[in-house]
Protein backbone atom coordinates (compact mmCIF):
# COMPACT_ATOMS: atom_id res chain seq x y z
CA MET A 1 145.77 161.59 53.12
CA GLU A 2 146.76 159.36 55.92
CA LEU A 3 145.99 159.24 59.34
CA LYS A 4 149.39 158.82 61.03
CA ARG A 5 150.98 161.65 58.86
CA ILE A 6 148.29 164.29 60.58
CA LEU A 7 148.90 163.20 64.25
CA GLY A 8 152.46 163.49 66.31
CA GLU A 9 153.99 160.99 68.71
CA PRO A 10 152.89 158.98 70.68
CA LEU A 11 149.73 158.77 68.35
CA ARG A 12 151.42 158.05 65.25
CA SER A 13 152.91 155.54 66.31
CA SER A 14 150.23 153.56 68.24
CA GLN A 15 148.50 150.35 67.20
CA ALA A 16 144.97 151.83 67.31
CA VAL A 17 145.94 154.83 64.70
CA ALA A 18 147.42 152.27 62.67
CA VAL A 19 144.46 150.13 62.63
CA LEU A 20 142.31 153.40 61.69
CA ASP A 21 144.91 154.06 59.08
CA ARG A 22 144.72 150.53 57.23
CA SER A 23 140.82 150.57 57.48
CA LEU A 24 141.05 154.23 55.80
CA GLN A 25 143.15 153.27 53.23
CA LYS A 26 140.95 150.04 52.35
CA GLY A 27 137.48 152.04 52.64
CA ARG A 28 136.64 149.48 55.03
CA LEU A 29 136.17 152.46 58.35
CA ALA A 30 133.14 151.16 60.55
CA HIS A 31 130.26 153.76 60.22
CA ALA A 32 130.88 154.48 64.07
CA VAL A 33 134.06 154.76 65.80
CA LEU A 34 134.37 154.77 69.57
CA LEU A 35 137.59 156.90 71.02
CA GLN A 36 138.56 155.90 74.27
CA GLY A 37 141.48 157.02 76.56
CA GLU A 38 142.26 159.25 79.62
CA ASN A 39 143.20 162.55 77.55
CA GLU A 40 140.43 164.32 76.20
CA GLU A 41 142.66 166.39 74.26
CA LEU A 42 144.33 163.44 72.55
CA LEU A 43 141.00 162.16 71.73
CA GLU A 44 139.40 165.32 70.17
CA GLU A 45 142.91 165.54 68.36
CA VAL A 46 142.52 162.42 66.34
CA ALA A 47 138.66 162.45 65.97
CA HIS A 48 139.49 166.32 64.24
CA SER A 49 142.04 164.22 62.06
CA LEU A 50 139.74 161.21 61.17
CA ALA A 51 137.32 163.62 59.94
CA ALA A 52 140.09 165.81 58.06
CA VAL A 53 141.28 162.48 56.17
CA LEU A 54 137.51 161.61 55.57
CA LEU A 55 136.65 164.77 54.51
CA ASP A 56 139.54 165.47 52.60
CA ALA A 57 140.12 168.91 54.76
CA SER A 58 144.00 168.92 55.44
CA PRO A 59 144.69 170.56 58.50
CA ASP A 60 146.76 173.72 58.29
CA LYS A 61 149.95 173.62 60.50
CA GLU A 62 150.58 177.52 60.25
CA LYS A 63 147.41 178.45 61.56
CA GLU A 64 146.58 178.27 65.40
CA ASP A 65 143.69 175.85 64.60
CA ARG A 66 145.16 173.82 62.60
CA PHE A 67 141.53 172.06 62.00
CA GLY A 68 139.57 175.06 60.93
CA LYS A 69 138.88 173.60 57.63
CA VAL A 70 137.51 170.69 59.36
CA LYS A 71 135.29 172.83 61.75
CA SER A 72 133.70 174.99 59.04
CA HIS A 73 132.98 172.00 56.66
CA PRO A 74 129.76 171.73 55.32
CA ASP A 75 129.39 168.06 56.15
CA PHE A 76 131.12 168.20 59.51
CA PHE A 77 128.59 168.03 62.41
CA THR A 78 128.92 167.85 65.81
CA LEU A 79 126.99 167.50 69.15
CA ARG A 80 128.10 168.72 72.48
CA PRO A 81 126.90 168.82 75.94
CA SER A 82 124.98 172.27 76.97
CA LYS A 83 123.88 174.36 79.74
CA LYS A 84 125.30 173.73 83.56
CA ALA A 85 124.65 170.38 83.79
CA ARG A 86 126.75 169.75 81.11
CA ALA A 87 124.51 166.86 79.38
CA ILE A 88 124.12 166.19 75.63
CA ARG A 89 120.12 167.50 75.17
CA ALA A 90 117.52 164.89 73.66
CA GLU A 91 116.73 168.12 71.38
CA ASP A 92 120.09 168.85 70.23
CA THR A 93 120.53 164.90 69.51
CA ARG A 94 117.58 165.38 67.17
CA GLU A 95 119.01 167.74 65.45
CA LEU A 96 121.96 166.30 64.60
CA ILE A 97 120.17 163.39 63.39
CA ARG A 98 117.97 165.45 61.23
CA GLN A 99 120.99 166.87 59.39
CA ILE A 100 123.04 163.93 58.92
CA GLN A 101 120.09 162.26 57.53
CA GLN A 102 120.71 164.93 54.32
CA SER A 103 123.01 164.12 51.08
CA PRO A 104 126.88 165.26 51.25
CA LEU A 105 127.07 169.11 50.17
CA LEU A 106 130.74 169.11 49.23
CA SER A 107 132.09 165.58 50.25
CA HIS A 108 131.50 162.23 49.31
CA ARG A 109 130.00 161.47 52.67
CA LYS A 110 129.14 163.23 55.96
CA VAL A 111 131.24 162.75 59.71
CA ALA A 112 129.76 164.04 62.98
CA VAL A 113 131.44 164.29 66.22
CA VAL A 114 130.06 163.72 69.42
CA TYR A 115 132.08 165.35 72.01
CA GLU A 116 132.32 163.78 75.68
CA ALA A 117 129.92 161.09 74.51
CA ASP A 118 129.46 160.02 78.24
CA ARG A 119 127.34 162.78 79.05
CA LEU A 120 124.72 161.29 76.67
CA CYS A 121 123.80 159.55 79.55
CA ALA A 122 124.00 162.36 81.79
CA SER A 123 120.20 162.53 82.62
CA SER A 124 118.15 160.43 84.61
CA GLN A 125 116.16 159.11 81.82
CA SER A 126 119.09 158.86 79.23
CA SER A 127 116.38 160.15 76.65
CA SER A 128 119.12 161.63 74.51
CA ALA A 129 121.38 158.15 74.58
CA ASN A 130 118.04 156.19 73.57
CA ILE A 131 117.50 158.29 70.78
CA PHE A 132 121.09 158.37 69.43
CA LEU A 133 120.63 154.32 69.73
CA LYS A 134 118.34 154.45 67.23
CA THR A 135 120.64 156.33 64.45
CA LEU A 136 123.26 153.33 65.42
CA GLU A 137 121.47 150.72 64.55
CA GLU A 138 119.93 152.45 61.05
CA PRO A 139 122.91 154.52 60.24
CA PRO A 140 122.26 157.00 57.17
CA LEU A 141 124.31 156.43 54.40
CA ASP A 142 127.79 157.95 53.55
CA THR A 143 127.84 158.97 57.19
CA THR A 144 130.68 158.31 59.69
CA ILE A 145 129.96 159.07 63.48
CA ILE A 146 132.84 159.56 65.83
CA LEU A 147 132.20 159.38 69.69
CA PHE A 148 134.98 160.05 72.31
CA SER A 149 134.78 159.54 75.81
CA THR A 150 137.54 159.64 79.13
CA ARG A 151 134.51 157.46 80.56
CA PRO A 152 133.56 155.19 78.16
CA TYR A 153 132.25 153.13 80.68
CA VAL A 154 129.03 155.45 81.64
CA LEU A 155 127.52 154.51 77.77
CA LEU A 156 125.09 151.97 77.05
CA GLU A 157 126.22 149.12 76.54
CA THR A 158 124.20 148.98 73.49
CA ILE A 159 125.58 152.16 72.26
CA ARG A 160 129.37 150.87 72.87
CA SER A 161 128.68 147.38 71.02
CA ARG A 162 127.40 149.10 68.20
CA CYS A 163 131.15 150.97 67.74
CA PHE A 164 134.50 150.18 66.87
CA ASN A 165 136.40 150.62 69.86
CA PHE A 166 139.78 152.04 69.98
CA ARG A 167 141.85 153.07 73.04
CA ILE A 168 144.32 156.07 72.21
CA PRO A 169 147.29 156.19 74.03
CA SER A 170 148.04 159.07 76.74
CA SER A 171 151.03 160.63 76.77
CA PHE A 172 152.52 162.16 80.27
CA ARG A 173 153.14 165.53 79.99
CA SER A 174 153.90 168.02 83.14
CA THR A 175 152.17 171.19 82.85
CA GLU A 176 154.54 173.71 82.01
CA ASP A 177 153.83 176.36 84.98
CA GLU A 178 156.50 177.50 87.62
CA SER A 179 153.63 177.91 90.41
CA TRP A 180 152.59 174.62 89.92
CA GLN A 181 155.79 173.00 89.53
CA LYS A 182 156.51 174.69 92.91
CA TRP A 183 153.52 173.72 94.00
CA LEU A 184 154.54 169.89 93.26
CA THR A 185 157.90 170.08 94.87
CA ASP A 186 155.92 171.60 98.03
CA TYR A 187 153.72 168.56 98.06
CA SER A 188 156.54 166.27 97.93
CA ASP A 189 158.31 167.92 100.70
CA PHE A 190 155.08 167.53 102.48
CA LEU A 191 154.98 163.77 101.92
CA LEU A 192 158.37 163.16 102.62
CA GLY A 193 158.11 165.14 106.10
CA LEU A 194 154.77 162.95 107.38
CA LEU A 195 157.01 159.83 106.15
CA GLN A 196 159.77 161.12 108.52
CA GLY A 197 157.18 161.34 111.28
CA ILE A 198 155.59 164.31 112.83
CA ARG A 199 155.88 163.43 116.74
CA GLY A 200 154.94 166.70 118.80
CA LYS A 201 152.97 169.49 118.92
CA GLU A 202 154.62 172.25 116.75
CA ARG A 203 155.37 169.42 113.98
CA ILE A 204 151.30 168.40 113.94
CA ALA A 205 150.36 172.12 113.64
CA GLY A 206 153.14 172.75 110.78
CA SER A 207 152.06 169.67 108.95
CA PHE A 208 148.38 171.03 109.44
CA MET A 209 149.32 174.64 108.17
CA ALA A 210 150.69 173.13 105.05
CA ALA A 211 148.02 171.18 104.02
CA TYR A 212 145.82 174.15 104.31
CA GLY A 213 148.44 175.95 102.29
CA LEU A 214 148.54 173.75 99.49
CA VAL A 215 144.84 173.41 99.21
CA ALA A 216 144.62 177.41 98.67
CA ARG A 217 147.49 177.47 96.83
CA PHE A 218 146.00 174.84 94.49
CA ASN A 219 142.93 176.81 94.19
CA GLY A 220 145.01 179.81 92.71
CA ILE A 221 146.98 177.98 90.62
CA LEU A 222 144.19 176.08 89.01
CA SER A 223 141.84 179.07 88.29
CA ASN A 224 144.83 181.27 86.59
CA LEU A 225 145.60 177.83 84.24
CA VAL A 226 141.76 177.86 83.21
CA ALA A 227 141.75 181.08 82.46
CA GLU A 228 144.75 181.16 80.42
CA SER A 229 143.31 178.14 78.61
CA TRP A 230 140.43 179.63 77.78
CA GLU A 231 141.61 182.80 76.13
CA LYS A 232 143.00 180.69 73.95
CA GLU A 233 140.53 177.75 73.41
CA LYS A 234 137.59 180.26 72.78
CA THR A 235 138.93 181.60 69.77
CA LYS A 236 139.10 178.26 68.36
CA LEU A 237 135.29 178.00 68.82
CA PRO A 238 132.32 178.18 66.00
CA GLN A 239 130.98 181.42 65.69
CA ASP A 240 127.53 180.22 65.82
CA LEU A 241 127.89 178.58 69.57
CA LYS A 242 125.44 179.24 71.58
CA ASP A 243 126.21 180.45 75.24
CA ASP A 244 124.97 177.42 77.04
CA GLU A 245 126.84 175.49 74.72
CA ARG A 246 129.83 177.96 75.11
CA GLU A 247 129.60 177.46 78.77
CA ALA A 248 129.66 173.85 78.86
CA MET A 249 132.71 173.64 76.79
CA ARG A 250 134.39 176.09 79.01
CA ALA A 251 133.42 173.91 82.17
CA GLY A 252 134.52 170.95 80.52
CA SER A 253 138.23 172.57 79.90
CA ALA A 254 138.15 173.65 83.13
CA LYS A 255 137.53 169.87 84.28
CA GLY A 256 140.10 168.39 81.95
CA ILE A 257 142.75 171.10 83.35
CA ARG A 258 141.86 169.87 87.24
CA HIS A 259 141.58 166.07 86.12
CA ARG A 260 145.67 166.47 84.44
CA LEU A 261 146.82 168.11 87.67
CA PHE A 262 145.30 165.39 89.63
CA LYS A 263 147.54 163.31 87.47
CA GLU A 264 150.35 164.79 88.03
CA MET A 265 149.92 164.52 91.21
CA GLU A 266 149.58 160.93 91.40
CA ASN A 267 152.98 160.98 89.47
CA GLN A 268 154.40 163.14 92.20
CA THR A 269 153.46 160.91 95.07
CA ARG A 270 155.34 157.78 92.91
CA SER A 271 158.26 159.84 92.51
CA ALA A 272 158.42 161.15 96.50
CA ALA A 273 157.85 157.65 97.28
CA ALA A 274 160.36 155.78 94.97
CA PRO A 275 163.65 156.16 96.76
CA TYR A 276 162.20 154.54 100.16
CA LEU A 277 160.80 151.19 98.57
CA THR A 278 164.04 149.85 98.19
CA ASP A 279 164.95 149.86 102.05
CA GLU A 280 164.50 147.86 104.70
CA LYS A 281 161.61 149.60 105.08
CA GLY A 282 160.15 149.26 101.83
CA GLY A 283 157.05 147.13 102.71
CA ALA A 284 155.59 149.78 104.94
CA VAL A 285 156.38 152.42 102.44
CA THR A 286 154.71 150.19 99.42
CA LEU A 287 151.62 150.07 101.61
CA LYS A 288 151.14 153.49 102.84
CA PHE A 289 151.97 154.74 98.79
CA THR A 290 149.19 152.22 97.82
CA GLU A 291 146.74 153.78 99.87
CA SER A 292 147.59 157.32 99.51
CA ILE A 293 147.07 156.71 95.53
CA ARG A 294 143.82 154.80 96.61
CA GLN A 295 142.50 157.59 98.58
CA LEU A 296 143.81 160.20 95.49
CA GLU A 297 141.52 158.61 93.36
CA THR A 298 138.81 158.22 94.85
CA VAL A 299 138.17 162.05 95.38
CA ALA A 300 139.39 162.40 92.15
CA GLY A 301 136.03 160.26 91.48
CA LEU A 302 134.19 162.82 93.80
CA LEU A 303 135.22 165.33 91.74
CA GLU A 304 132.81 163.83 89.05
CA VAL A 305 129.86 164.21 90.94
CA ASN A 306 130.66 167.66 91.42
CA LEU A 307 132.28 167.87 95.16
CA LYS A 308 133.92 171.18 94.94
CA THR A 309 137.85 171.10 94.40
CA GLU A 310 139.16 172.38 97.59
CA THR A 311 136.83 170.32 99.74
CA ALA A 312 138.26 166.85 97.66
CA LEU A 313 142.11 168.08 98.13
CA GLU A 314 141.34 168.97 101.69
CA ASP A 315 140.04 165.62 102.32
CA TYR A 316 142.59 163.59 100.58
CA LEU A 317 145.74 165.66 101.91
CA LEU A 318 144.29 165.20 105.55
CA SER A 319 144.22 161.45 105.15
CA CYS A 320 147.73 161.70 104.10
CA LEU A 321 148.71 162.74 107.54
CA ARG A 322 147.01 160.11 108.92
CA ILE A 323 148.38 157.37 106.22
CA TRP A 324 151.75 158.31 106.58
CA SER A 325 152.38 159.25 109.85
CA ARG A 326 151.13 156.22 111.70
C-alpha cells in the first residue's frame, strides 16, 4: 500500500509525502516522525494514512470515517490532550509507554499517534514531555511514533531533534458557509470604507457600529460552525474515550475552526488591499496592509493564551480604524 494513493491533492504531490513514501517502501522509516504545518486536519489525515500503511489497515472510502479500521486496530495507540487545560497528562503518557512496550497483537509492528504534540509542554513542569523524551531516546522495538503539531516550536528541542521532521503543506479552502461568506464581504466593505476616509461624526459613528456589528456576528457564526462540526466529528470518536478527553477534543476542534476563520480574514484583507497596491498611493496602502496583517497575527497569537475571541476581534477592528483611516 502506497501512502500517496491514500492521500488526495495537494498532499499526494508534496515533497514530504514523497520522502515518507520512499522510506516506507525501503523499510527505512524512522522510529519517530514529527508532522508539522498550519492545518491540523491535514496533519491528522497524514498521520492516520501513515498508520494505515504501517498496520496494513486499508482506509474505507465508502464509510464516513474512512480510518475506522486504523483507529480500532489493536496495535494502534493514541495520546491526546485532556481536561480543560488541554494538556497531555503525565499519567496518560506513562500509560501509552506501557502499551507500546508490549509485543504487537495482530500486525508486525505498533503505531502510536500523539495528537497536538505541543500540548506535551502545556504544564509548567513539562513532566509529560520529559517522560516522553526517554521513550524517544530508547524506543521500543517494532514501534513507530507519529507526532503532529501546528506549533512545533513549543516542543522541547530534544524531542524535535529525535524525530524526522516533515512540513505538510496547507491548502487554502474557504469555509463554505453562506453567513460566513457574507461576513467576509462586509468585512471587506468595512476596510474599504476606512481606506476612503471616515471624516465627520456620522462616518466615524457608522464605522464604530460596523466594527461592533462584525464582532457580534462573528461569535454567532463561529458557534454555529463549531456545533455543526462537532455533530459530525463526535460520531467518529472511539467509544472508550473519557469525558475529559472528549471535551478536550471538542475544544481543540473549536480552536481549529477559529484559527481557520482568522486565516480567511487575513486572505480577505489581502484581497481587499490588492487593487490599490498599483496606484499612486500604493506605498501608503502597502504600509497599512502590512500593519493590519501584523495586528491580526498579534491578536490571533493572543487567542492561544486564552484571550476571549470577541475581545481579540474587537481589538483588531478598532486598530483597523486607526491604521486605515489615518
